[in-house]
C-alpha atoms as a PDB file:
ATOM      1  CA  MET A   1     -33.694  -4.750 109.706  1.00  0.00           C
ATOM      2  CA  ARG A   2     -37.415  -5.307 110.402  1.00  0.00           C
ATOM      3  CA  THR A   3     -36.867  -8.964 111.270  1.00  0.00           C
ATOM      4  CA  GLU A   4     -34.106  -7.942 113.682  1.00  0.00           C
ATOM      5  CA  VAL A   5     -36.554  -5.589 115.419  1.00  0.00           C
ATOM      6  CA  ILE A   6     -39.062  -8.449 115.823  1.00  0.00           C
ATOM      7  CA  GLU A   7     -36.394 -10.894 117.095  1.00  0.00           C
ATOM      8  CA  ILE A   8     -35.203  -8.426 119.737  1.00  0.00           C
ATOM      9  CA  TYR A   9     -38.820  -7.638 120.697  1.00  0.00           C
ATOM     10  CA  GLN A  10     -39.598 -11.352 121.135  1.00  0.00           C
ATOM     11  CA  SER A  11     -36.573 -11.683 123.417  1.00  0.00           C
ATOM     12  CA  GLY A  12     -38.359  -9.318 125.833  1.00  0.00           C
ATOM     13  CA  LYS A  13     -36.771  -5.907 125.157  1.00  0.00           C
ATOM     14  CA  GLY A  14     -38.791  -2.667 124.963  1.00  0.00           C
ATOM     15  CA  TYR A  15     -39.065  -0.017 122.228  1.00  0.00           C
ATOM     16  CA  LYS A  16     -36.416   2.212 123.787  1.00  0.00           C
ATOM     17  CA  ALA A  17     -33.821  -0.572 124.067  1.00  0.00           C
ATOM     18  CA  ILE A  18     -34.507  -1.787 120.513  1.00  0.00           C
ATOM     19  CA  SER A  19     -34.232   1.719 119.046  1.00  0.00           C
ATOM     20  CA  LYS A  20     -30.957   2.302 120.881  1.00  0.00           C
ATOM     21  CA  ALA A  21     -29.503  -1.076 119.840  1.00  0.00           C
ATOM     22  CA  LEU A  22     -30.367  -0.700 116.129  1.00  0.00           C
ATOM     23  CA  GLY A  23     -30.089   3.079 115.815  1.00  0.00           C
ATOM     24  CA  LEU A  24     -33.710   3.534 114.718  1.00  0.00           C
ATOM     25  CA  GLN A  25     -36.340   6.023 115.822  1.00  0.00           C
ATOM     26  CA  ARG A  26     -38.659   4.795 118.561  1.00  0.00           C
ATOM     27  CA  THR A  27     -41.699   5.497 116.350  1.00  0.00           C
ATOM     28  CA  THR A  28     -40.180   3.351 113.573  1.00  0.00           C
ATOM     29  CA  VAL A  29     -39.696   0.449 115.990  1.00  0.00           C
ATOM     30  CA  ARG A  30     -43.266   0.877 117.246  1.00  0.00           C
ATOM     31  CA  ALA A  31     -44.674   0.903 113.673  1.00  0.00           C
ATOM     32  CA  ILE A  32     -42.761  -2.279 112.742  1.00  0.00           C
ATOM     33  CA  ILE A  33     -43.972  -4.107 115.870  1.00  0.00           C
ATOM     34  CA  HIS A  34     -47.595  -2.976 115.402  1.00  0.00           C
ATOM     35  CA  LYS A  35     -47.544  -4.131 111.778  1.00  0.00           C
ATOM     36  CA  TRP A  36     -46.159  -7.510 112.838  1.00  0.00           C
ATOM     37  CA  GLN A  37     -48.833  -7.864 115.543  1.00  0.00           C
ATOM     38  CA  LYS A  38     -51.652  -6.910 113.161  1.00  0.00           C
ATOM     39  CA  HIS A  39     -50.623  -8.747 109.965  1.00  0.00           C
ATOM     40  CA  GLY A  40     -48.147 -11.368 111.193  1.00  0.00           C
ATOM     41  CA  THR A  41     -45.535 -10.171 108.691  1.00  0.00           C
ATOM     42  CA  VAL A  42     -43.112  -7.287 108.243  1.00  0.00           C
ATOM     43  CA  VAL A  43     -42.873  -7.333 104.433  1.00  0.00           C
ATOM     44  CA  ASN A  44     -44.528  -4.609 102.364  1.00  0.00           C
ATOM     45  CA  LEU A  45     -48.221  -5.305 101.859  1.00  0.00           C
ATOM     46  CA  PRO A  46     -49.874  -4.975  98.437  1.00  0.00           C
ATOM     47  CA  ARG A  47     -51.049  -1.439  97.712  1.00  0.00           C
ATOM     48  CA  SER A  48     -54.704  -0.591  97.312  1.00  0.00           C
ATOM     49  CA  GLY A  49     -56.077   0.491  93.954  1.00  0.00           C
ATOM     50  CA  ARG A  50     -55.917  -0.867  90.463  1.00  0.00           C
ATOM     51  CA  PRO A  51     -52.400  -1.486  89.124  1.00  0.00           C
ATOM     52  CA  THR A  52     -51.429   0.481  86.016  1.00  0.00           C
ATOM     53  CA  LYS A  53     -52.045  -1.112  82.617  1.00  0.00           C
ATOM     54  CA  ILE A  54     -49.121   0.700  81.008  1.00  0.00           C
ATOM     55  CA  THR A  55     -45.896  -1.189  81.615  1.00  0.00           C
ATOM     56  CA  PRO A  56     -42.634   0.732  82.147  1.00  0.00           C
ATOM     57  CA  ARG A  57     -41.486  -0.457  78.715  1.00  0.00           C
ATOM     58  CA  ALA A  58     -44.682   0.854  77.070  1.00  0.00           C
ATOM     59  CA  GLN A  59     -44.286   4.157  78.913  1.00  0.00           C
ATOM     60  CA  ARG A  60     -40.725   4.574  77.614  1.00  0.00           C
ATOM     61  CA  ARG A  61     -42.014   3.837  74.115  1.00  0.00           C
ATOM     62  CA  LEU A  62     -44.713   6.527  74.461  1.00  0.00           C
ATOM     63  CA  ILE A  63     -42.207   9.131  75.618  1.00  0.00           C
ATOM     64  CA  ARG A  64     -39.767   8.213  72.850  1.00  0.00           C
ATOM     65  CA  GLU A  65     -42.444   8.498  70.141  1.00  0.00           C
ATOM     66  CA  VAL A  66     -43.779  11.819  71.412  1.00  0.00           C
ATOM     67  CA  THR A  67     -40.343  13.404  71.768  1.00  0.00           C
ATOM     68  CA  LYS A  68     -39.479  12.230  68.255  1.00  0.00           C
ATOM     69  CA  ASP A  69     -42.719  13.675  66.789  1.00  0.00           C
ATOM     70  CA  PRO A  70     -44.576  16.081  69.131  1.00  0.00           C
ATOM     71  CA  ARG A  71     -47.596  16.154  66.800  1.00  0.00           C
ATOM     72  CA  THR A  72     -48.402  12.477  67.374  1.00  0.00           C
ATOM     73  CA  THR A  73     -52.008  12.101  68.548  1.00  0.00           C
ATOM     74  CA  SER A  74     -53.116   9.961  71.465  1.00  0.00           C
ATOM     75  CA  LYS A  75     -55.111   7.772  69.045  1.00  0.00           C
ATOM     76  CA  GLU A  76     -51.928   7.080  67.038  1.00  0.00           C
ATOM     77  CA  LEU A  77     -50.091   6.237  70.253  1.00  0.00           C
ATOM     78  CA  GLN A  78     -52.965   3.948  71.247  1.00  0.00           C
ATOM     79  CA  ALA A  79     -52.574   2.057  67.961  1.00  0.00           C
ATOM     80  CA  SER A  80     -48.811   1.902  68.513  1.00  0.00           C
ATOM     81  CA  LEU A  81     -49.284   0.350  71.962  1.00  0.00           C
ATOM     82  CA  ALA A  82     -51.817  -2.112  70.568  1.00  0.00           C
ATOM     83  CA  SER A  83     -49.019  -3.503  68.383  1.00  0.00           C
ATOM     84  CA  ILE A  84     -47.151  -4.561  71.555  1.00  0.00           C
ATOM     85  CA  LYS A  85     -50.319  -6.031  73.120  1.00  0.00           C
ATOM     86  CA  VAL A  86     -51.021  -3.131  75.520  1.00  0.00           C
ATOM     87  CA  SER A  87     -54.665  -2.047  75.355  1.00  0.00           C
ATOM     88  CA  VAL A  88     -55.350   1.316  77.034  1.00  0.00           C
ATOM     89  CA  HIS A  89     -57.719   4.245  76.511  1.00  0.00           C
ATOM     90  CA  ASP A  90     -56.363   7.359  74.808  1.00  0.00           C
ATOM     91  CA  SER A  91     -57.125   9.476  77.899  1.00  0.00           C
ATOM     92  CA  THR A  92     -54.881   7.115  79.916  1.00  0.00           C
ATOM     93  CA  ILE A  93     -52.088   7.814  77.439  1.00  0.00           C
ATOM     94  CA  ARG A  94     -52.599  11.586  77.775  1.00  0.00           C
ATOM     95  CA  LYS A  95     -52.540  11.343  81.591  1.00  0.00           C
ATOM     96  CA  ARG A  96     -49.357   9.248  81.543  1.00  0.00           C
ATOM     97  CA  LEU A  97     -47.644  11.710  79.178  1.00  0.00           C
ATOM     98  CA  GLY A  98     -48.796  14.611  81.358  1.00  0.00           C
ATOM     99  CA  LYS A  99     -47.197  13.016  84.425  1.00  0.00           C
ATOM    100  CA  ASN A 100     -43.945  12.955  82.453  1.00  0.00           C
ATOM    101  CA  GLY A 101     -44.227  16.659  81.566  1.00  0.00           C
ATOM    102  CA  LEU A 102     -45.425  16.132  77.980  1.00  0.00           C
ATOM    103  CA  HIS A 103     -48.658  18.117  77.853  1.00  0.00           C
ATOM    104  CA  GLY A 104     -50.740  18.594  74.712  1.00  0.00           C
ATOM    105  CA  ARG A 105     -50.326  22.098  73.321  1.00  0.00           C
ATOM    106  CA  PHE A 106     -51.293  23.867  70.129  1.00  0.00           C
ATOM    107  CA  PRO A 107     -48.362  25.331  68.193  1.00  0.00           C
ATOM    108  CA  ARG A 108     -48.193  29.094  68.249  1.00  0.00           C
ATOM    109  CA  ARG A 109     -49.400  30.925  65.151  1.00  0.00           C
ATOM    110  CA  LYS A 110     -47.539  34.097  64.340  1.00  0.00           C
ATOM    111  CA  PRO A 111     -48.099  36.027  61.104  1.00  0.00           C
ATOM    112  CA  LEU A 112     -45.145  37.082  59.019  1.00  0.00           C
ATOM    113  CA  LEU A 113     -44.491  40.791  58.579  1.00  0.00           C
ATOM    114  CA  SER A 114     -45.454  41.966  55.118  1.00  0.00           C
ATOM    115  CA  LYS A 115     -43.109  44.115  53.025  1.00  0.00           C
ATOM    116  CA  LYS A 116     -45.523  47.036  53.567  1.00  0.00           C
ATOM    117  CA  ASN A 117     -45.295  46.649  57.377  1.00  0.00           C
ATOM    118  CA  ILE A 118     -41.512  46.410  57.256  1.00  0.00           C
ATOM    119  CA  ARG A 119     -41.289  49.648  55.220  1.00  0.00           C
ATOM    120  CA  ALA A 120     -43.743  51.441  57.542  1.00  0.00           C
ATOM    121  CA  ARG A 121     -41.729  50.423  60.604  1.00  0.00           C
ATOM    122  CA  LEU A 122     -38.485  51.522  59.028  1.00  0.00           C
ATOM    123  CA  ASN A 123     -39.993  54.927  58.175  1.00  0.00           C
ATOM    124  CA  PHE A 124     -41.326  55.249  61.736  1.00  0.00           C
ATOM    125  CA  ALA A 125     -37.921  54.365  63.198  1.00  0.00           C
ATOM    126  CA  LYS A 126     -36.123  56.866  60.936  1.00  0.00           C
ATOM    127  CA  LYS A 127     -38.658  59.592  61.791  1.00  0.00           C
ATOM    128  CA  HIS A 128     -38.183  59.068  65.549  1.00  0.00           C
ATOM    129  CA  LEU A 129     -34.473  58.284  65.418  1.00  0.00           C
ATOM    130  CA  ASN A 130     -33.453  61.198  67.654  1.00  0.00           C
ATOM    131  CA  ASP A 131     -36.255  60.801  70.199  1.00  0.00           C
ATOM    132  CA  CYS A 132     -35.379  60.134  73.840  1.00  0.00           C
ATOM    133  CA  GLN A 133     -34.812  56.682  75.332  1.00  0.00           C
ATOM    134  CA  ASN A 134     -38.103  56.910  77.248  1.00  0.00           C
ATOM    135  CA  PHE A 135     -40.009  57.143  73.927  1.00  0.00           C
ATOM    136  CA  TRP A 136     -38.435  53.933  72.656  1.00  0.00           C
ATOM    137  CA  GLU A 137     -39.018  52.107  75.951  1.00  0.00           C
ATOM    138  CA  ASN A 138     -42.728  52.899  75.615  1.00  0.00           C
ATOM    139  CA  THR A 139     -42.920  51.901  71.941  1.00  0.00           C
ATOM    140  CA  LEU A 140     -44.590  48.532  71.476  1.00  0.00           C
ATOM    141  CA  TRP A 141     -44.137  46.562  68.291  1.00  0.00           C
ATOM    142  CA  THR A 142     -46.889  44.076  67.517  1.00  0.00           C
ATOM    143  CA  ASP A 143     -44.483  41.188  66.925  1.00  0.00           C
ATOM    144  CA  GLU A 144     -42.216  41.625  69.963  1.00  0.00           C
ATOM    145  CA  THR A 145     -40.884  38.310  71.141  1.00  0.00           C
ATOM    146  CA  LYS A 146     -39.337  37.131  74.398  1.00  0.00           C
ATOM    147  CA  LEU A 147     -35.939  35.580  73.717  1.00  0.00           C
ATOM    148  CA  ASN A 148     -34.400  32.766  75.739  1.00  0.00           C
ATOM    149  CA  TYR A 149     -30.620  32.462  75.897  1.00  0.00           C
ATOM    150  CA  ASN A 150     -28.867  29.988  78.190  1.00  0.00           C
ATOM    151  CA  ASN A 151     -32.136  29.196  80.008  1.00  0.00           C
ATOM    152  CA  PHE A 152     -32.522  32.792  81.186  1.00  0.00           C
ATOM    153  CA  ALA A 153     -35.550  34.691  79.911  1.00  0.00           C
ATOM    154  CA  LYS A 154     -34.450  38.140  78.750  1.00  0.00           C
ATOM    155  CA  MET A 155     -36.342  41.017  77.192  1.00  0.00           C
ATOM    156  CA  SER A 156     -34.754  43.499  74.842  1.00  0.00           C
ATOM    157  CA  GLY A 157     -33.079  46.365  76.669  1.00  0.00           C
ATOM    158  CA  PRO A 158     -29.783  48.222  77.095  1.00  0.00           C
ATOM    159  CA  LYS A 159     -28.165  45.298  78.966  1.00  0.00           C
ATOM    160  CA  PHE A 160     -28.917  42.874  76.145  1.00  0.00           C
ATOM    161  CA  LEU A 161     -26.035  41.877  73.882  1.00  0.00           C
ATOM    162  CA  GLN A 162     -26.536  43.586  70.539  1.00  0.00           C
ATOM    163  CA  SER A 163     -24.850  40.782  68.632  1.00  0.00           C
ATOM    164  CA  ALA A 164     -27.207  38.174  70.106  1.00  0.00           C
ATOM    165  CA  VAL A 165     -30.247  40.260  69.221  1.00  0.00           C
ATOM    166  CA  LYS A 166     -28.935  40.964  65.731  1.00  0.00           C
ATOM    167  CA  ASP A 167     -28.260  37.267  65.038  1.00  0.00           C
ATOM    168  CA  SER A 168     -31.645  36.253  66.393  1.00  0.00           C
ATOM    169  CA  PHE A 169     -33.642  38.795  64.425  1.00  0.00           C
ATOM    170  CA  ALA A 170     -31.598  38.324  61.270  1.00  0.00           C
ATOM    171  CA  SER A 171     -32.626  34.678  61.128  1.00  0.00           C
ATOM    172  CA  TYR A 172     -36.168  35.217  62.505  1.00  0.00           C
ATOM    173  CA  ARG A 173     -38.020  35.261  59.178  1.00  0.00           C
ATOM    174  CA  LYS A 174     -36.043  32.259  57.896  1.00  0.00           C
ATOM    175  CA  ARG A 175     -36.749  30.293  61.099  1.00  0.00           C
ATOM    176  CA  LEU A 176     -40.439  31.192  61.085  1.00  0.00           C
ATOM    177  CA  ILE A 177     -40.863  30.079  57.470  1.00  0.00           C
ATOM    178  CA  ALA A 178     -39.083  26.801  58.300  1.00  0.00           C
ATOM    179  CA  VAL A 179     -41.420  26.178  61.253  1.00  0.00           C
ATOM    180  CA  ILE A 180     -44.503  26.889  59.135  1.00  0.00           C
ATOM    181  CA  ALA A 181     -43.240  24.586  56.383  1.00  0.00           C
ATOM    182  CA  ALA A 182     -42.573  21.807  58.906  1.00  0.00           C
ATOM    183  CA  LYS A 183     -46.032  22.344  60.469  1.00  0.00           C
ATOM    184  CA  GLY A 184     -44.550  22.522  63.956  1.00  0.00           C
ATOM    185  CA  GLY A 185     -42.373  19.439  63.561  1.00  0.00           C
ATOM    186  CA  PRO A 186     -38.563  19.297  63.525  1.00  0.00           C
ATOM    187  CA  THR A 187     -37.054  22.061  61.410  1.00  0.00           C
ATOM    188  CA  SER A 188     -33.845  22.616  59.531  1.00  0.00           C
ATOM    189  CA  TYR A 189     -32.947  26.036  58.147  1.00  0.00           C
END
């Protein structure tokens, strides 16, 4: 397309005629002609800046390793890349992972409820069983958790499906113990 613009321009036609003939914007035609006049070519010129040291293959390997084991450190990934003859700094690895949405985070620490706390809560709930809805809406439990179902963040409330809440909280302790045992890695419970 760019070479066609130059050929028509060399035959003596103006920007307006070229843009009409090829269906391009006049500014596009002008930019192509100016580039040809300045550089003598219409192909893409090399970009400024240092090219990346991480190859696309190495980047895919990084992403695969981190998604498989999120606790992999950047130093471990650096050693892994060294095995395929790619030498990069660990901060470069962290930046590359960050651009792909894999940011370093600390796993959340949440204490288990003790038997004493469970009994105290049950007694509190029984004592205030007949209190108004407003009382319960203003009651804050120290381990309240936001639940995500079907990619919609929902808080507990009257519109929330009781069965979903019951299933989630019934398996909460079991899931939490599994996560602690796996130290934040993949779990099975």
